Amino acid sequence: MNIFNELPDDIKNLILNKYLLYPQDKTLLEDIRNYKKNKILIYKIYEKKGYEYNCDYTDEFNIYSAIDNDLMAYWNDDVAYDNGIVKKNFNKMIRILSFKIKYDKENEKAVYNFHMNCKIPLESKINRYIGGLNINERNKFINLLKNPID
């Protein structure tokens, strides 16, 4: 007996459309799972270090400010932004479609806005930074947080 044929049509359509007709790229799905897992882990690491969720971004123990700052440094290989954007940083930025579109129109202004625009909420910048990393880069960042090189 074929169980699928016994299902209501709306359930059959859902199964066909979601899982069979429009399958997702396994690499993309793995990247999404890794993003979610590592984002949670990053916040847990900072919580253990004593950072807090507060609205004062100038507070040195604000979790969003600390994560944003560390991700910015990681993206630019710990080179101060005053000294320029390293090639690997630009290569990460160009992976992000919205940046690629803006860069084609605004070039250097788009690079500056990606990192230095104070109008973008820190939570959004953090999501963008984590999302712009590939799985290996995210794992390397996590390892640096767990085992800092002082």
Protein backbone atom coordinates (compact mmCIF):
# COMPACT_ATOMS: atom_id res chain seq x y z
CA MET A 1 0.00 0.00 0.00
CA ASN A 2 1.36 3.40 -1.01
CA ILE A 3 1.04 5.76 1.96
CA PHE A 4 1.76 8.83 -0.15
CA ASN A 5 -1.39 8.28 -2.23
CA GLU A 6 -3.49 8.19 0.96
CA LEU A 7 -2.35 11.67 2.05
CA PRO A 8 -4.54 14.75 1.47
CA ASP A 9 -3.64 16.71 -1.68
CA ASP A 10 -2.38 19.77 0.23
CA ILE A 11 0.10 17.61 2.16
CA LYS A 12 1.21 15.89 -1.07
CA ASN A 13 1.79 19.30 -2.69
CA LEU A 14 3.77 20.51 0.30
CA ILE A 15 6.02 17.45 0.19
CA LEU A 16 6.50 17.64 -3.57
CA ASN A 17 7.17 21.38 -3.67
CA LYS A 18 9.36 21.63 -0.63
CA TYR A 19 11.37 18.43 -0.74
CA LEU A 20 11.30 17.04 -4.25
CA LEU A 21 10.69 19.74 -6.85
CA TYR A 22 12.79 22.46 -5.19
CA PRO A 23 15.61 20.68 -3.39
CA GLN A 24 18.12 22.89 -1.63
CA ASP A 25 21.84 22.71 -2.26
CA LYS A 26 23.38 20.56 0.47
CA THR A 27 26.38 22.87 0.74
CA LEU A 28 24.09 25.84 1.31
CA LEU A 29 22.08 23.96 3.93
CA GLU A 30 25.29 22.96 5.72
CA ASP A 31 26.45 26.60 5.67
CA ILE A 32 23.12 27.77 7.14
CA ARG A 33 23.30 25.19 9.94
CA ASN A 34 26.91 26.15 10.66
CA TYR A 35 26.01 29.86 10.72
CA LYS A 36 23.24 29.29 13.26
CA LYS A 37 25.32 26.96 15.46
CA ASN A 38 28.37 29.22 15.47
CA LYS A 39 26.38 32.41 16.04
CA ILE A 40 24.89 30.88 19.19
CA LEU A 41 28.32 29.63 20.26
CA ILE A 42 29.93 33.06 19.74
CA TYR A 43 27.37 34.73 21.99
CA LYS A 44 27.82 32.01 24.65
CA ILE A 45 31.59 32.51 24.65
CA TYR A 46 31.19 36.26 25.19
CA GLU A 47 28.59 35.69 27.90
CA LYS A 48 31.08 33.44 29.73
CA LYS A 49 33.68 36.20 29.44
CA GLY A 50 31.31 38.52 31.33
CA TYR A 51 29.85 40.60 28.50
CA GLU A 52 26.25 41.72 28.93
CA TYR A 53 23.28 42.56 26.76
CA ASN A 54 22.66 46.25 27.38
CA CYS A 55 21.63 49.15 25.20
CA ASP A 56 24.67 51.30 25.93
CA TYR A 57 27.00 50.41 23.06
CA THR A 58 29.74 52.56 24.59
CA ASP A 59 29.89 50.29 27.66
CA GLU A 60 33.10 48.25 27.48
CA PHE A 61 31.19 45.15 28.60
CA ASN A 62 28.50 45.41 25.92
CA ILE A 63 28.36 42.06 24.15
CA TYR A 64 27.37 43.54 20.77
CA SER A 65 30.23 46.07 20.76
CA ALA A 66 32.78 43.40 21.71
CA ILE A 67 31.63 40.89 19.08
CA ASP A 68 31.42 43.57 16.37
CA ASN A 69 34.90 44.83 17.21
CA ASP A 70 36.44 41.35 17.23
CA LEU A 71 34.75 40.30 14.00
CA MET A 72 35.89 43.53 12.28
CA ALA A 73 39.45 42.81 13.38
CA TYR A 74 39.20 39.18 12.26
CA TRP A 75 37.88 40.19 8.85
CA ASN A 76 40.84 42.54 8.32
CA ASP A 77 43.50 40.15 9.69
CA ASP A 78 43.98 42.39 12.75
CA VAL A 79 45.20 45.25 10.56
CA ALA A 80 43.85 48.63 11.66
CA TYR A 81 41.31 49.97 9.18
CA ASP A 82 43.25 53.26 9.09
CA ASN A 83 45.97 51.25 7.34
CA GLY A 84 43.55 49.98 4.71
CA ILE A 85 41.45 46.98 3.82
CA VAL A 86 43.36 43.75 3.27
CA LYS A 87 42.63 41.67 0.18
CA LYS A 88 41.07 38.81 2.20
CA ASN A 89 38.66 41.29 3.80
CA PHE A 90 37.55 42.54 0.39
CA ASN A 91 37.18 38.94 -0.84
CA LYS A 92 34.80 38.26 2.07
CA MET A 93 32.79 41.41 1.37
CA ILE A 94 32.36 40.61 -2.31
CA ARG A 95 30.67 37.29 -1.38
CA ILE A 96 27.70 39.28 -0.09
CA LEU A 97 25.32 40.15 -2.91
CA SER A 98 24.14 43.47 -1.44
CA PHE A 99 27.75 44.64 -1.07
CA LYS A 100 28.62 43.49 -4.58
CA ILE A 101 25.75 45.56 -6.02
CA LYS A 102 26.70 48.66 -3.99
CA TYR A 103 30.38 48.23 -4.79
CA ASP A 104 29.68 48.24 -8.52
CA LYS A 105 27.97 51.64 -8.08
CA GLU A 106 29.90 53.32 -5.26
CA ASN A 107 33.27 51.51 -5.00
CA GLU A 108 35.27 52.94 -2.09
CA LYS A 109 32.23 54.43 -0.35
CA ALA A 110 30.67 50.95 -0.25
CA VAL A 111 33.80 49.52 1.39
CA TYR A 112 33.78 52.22 4.07
CA ASN A 113 30.04 51.87 4.70
CA PHE A 114 30.29 48.11 5.04
CA HIS A 115 32.47 48.41 8.12
CA MET A 116 32.12 51.94 9.47
CA ASN A 117 28.49 52.92 8.98
CA CYS A 118 27.25 53.79 12.50
CA LYS A 119 23.62 53.80 11.36
CA ILE A 120 23.61 50.02 10.97
CA PRO A 121 22.63 48.30 14.24
CA LEU A 122 25.47 46.25 15.70
CA GLU A 123 23.31 43.12 15.73
CA SER A 124 22.87 43.47 11.96
CA LYS A 125 26.58 44.03 11.40
CA ILE A 126 27.37 40.94 13.48
CA ASN A 127 24.92 38.83 11.46
CA ARG A 128 26.47 40.14 8.26
CA TYR A 129 30.01 39.45 9.46
CA ILE A 130 29.21 35.90 10.55
CA GLY A 131 27.21 35.26 7.38
CA GLY A 132 30.02 36.56 5.19
CA LEU A 133 32.44 34.00 6.55
CA ASN A 134 32.64 30.51 5.14
CA ILE A 135 32.46 27.46 7.41
CA ASN A 136 36.24 27.17 7.82
CA GLU A 137 36.60 30.88 8.62
CA ARG A 138 33.80 30.71 11.21
CA ASN A 139 35.41 27.69 12.85
CA LYS A 140 38.79 29.46 12.90
CA PHE A 141 37.20 32.51 14.56
CA ILE A 142 35.58 30.27 17.19
CA ASN A 143 38.93 28.59 17.86
CA LEU A 144 40.60 31.97 18.30
CA LEU A 145 37.92 32.93 20.83
CA LYS A 146 38.38 29.69 22.75
CA ASN A 147 42.18 29.78 22.60
CA PRO A 148 43.25 33.44 22.37
CA ILE A 149 46.81 34.18 21.34
CA ASP A 150 47.99 36.81 23.80
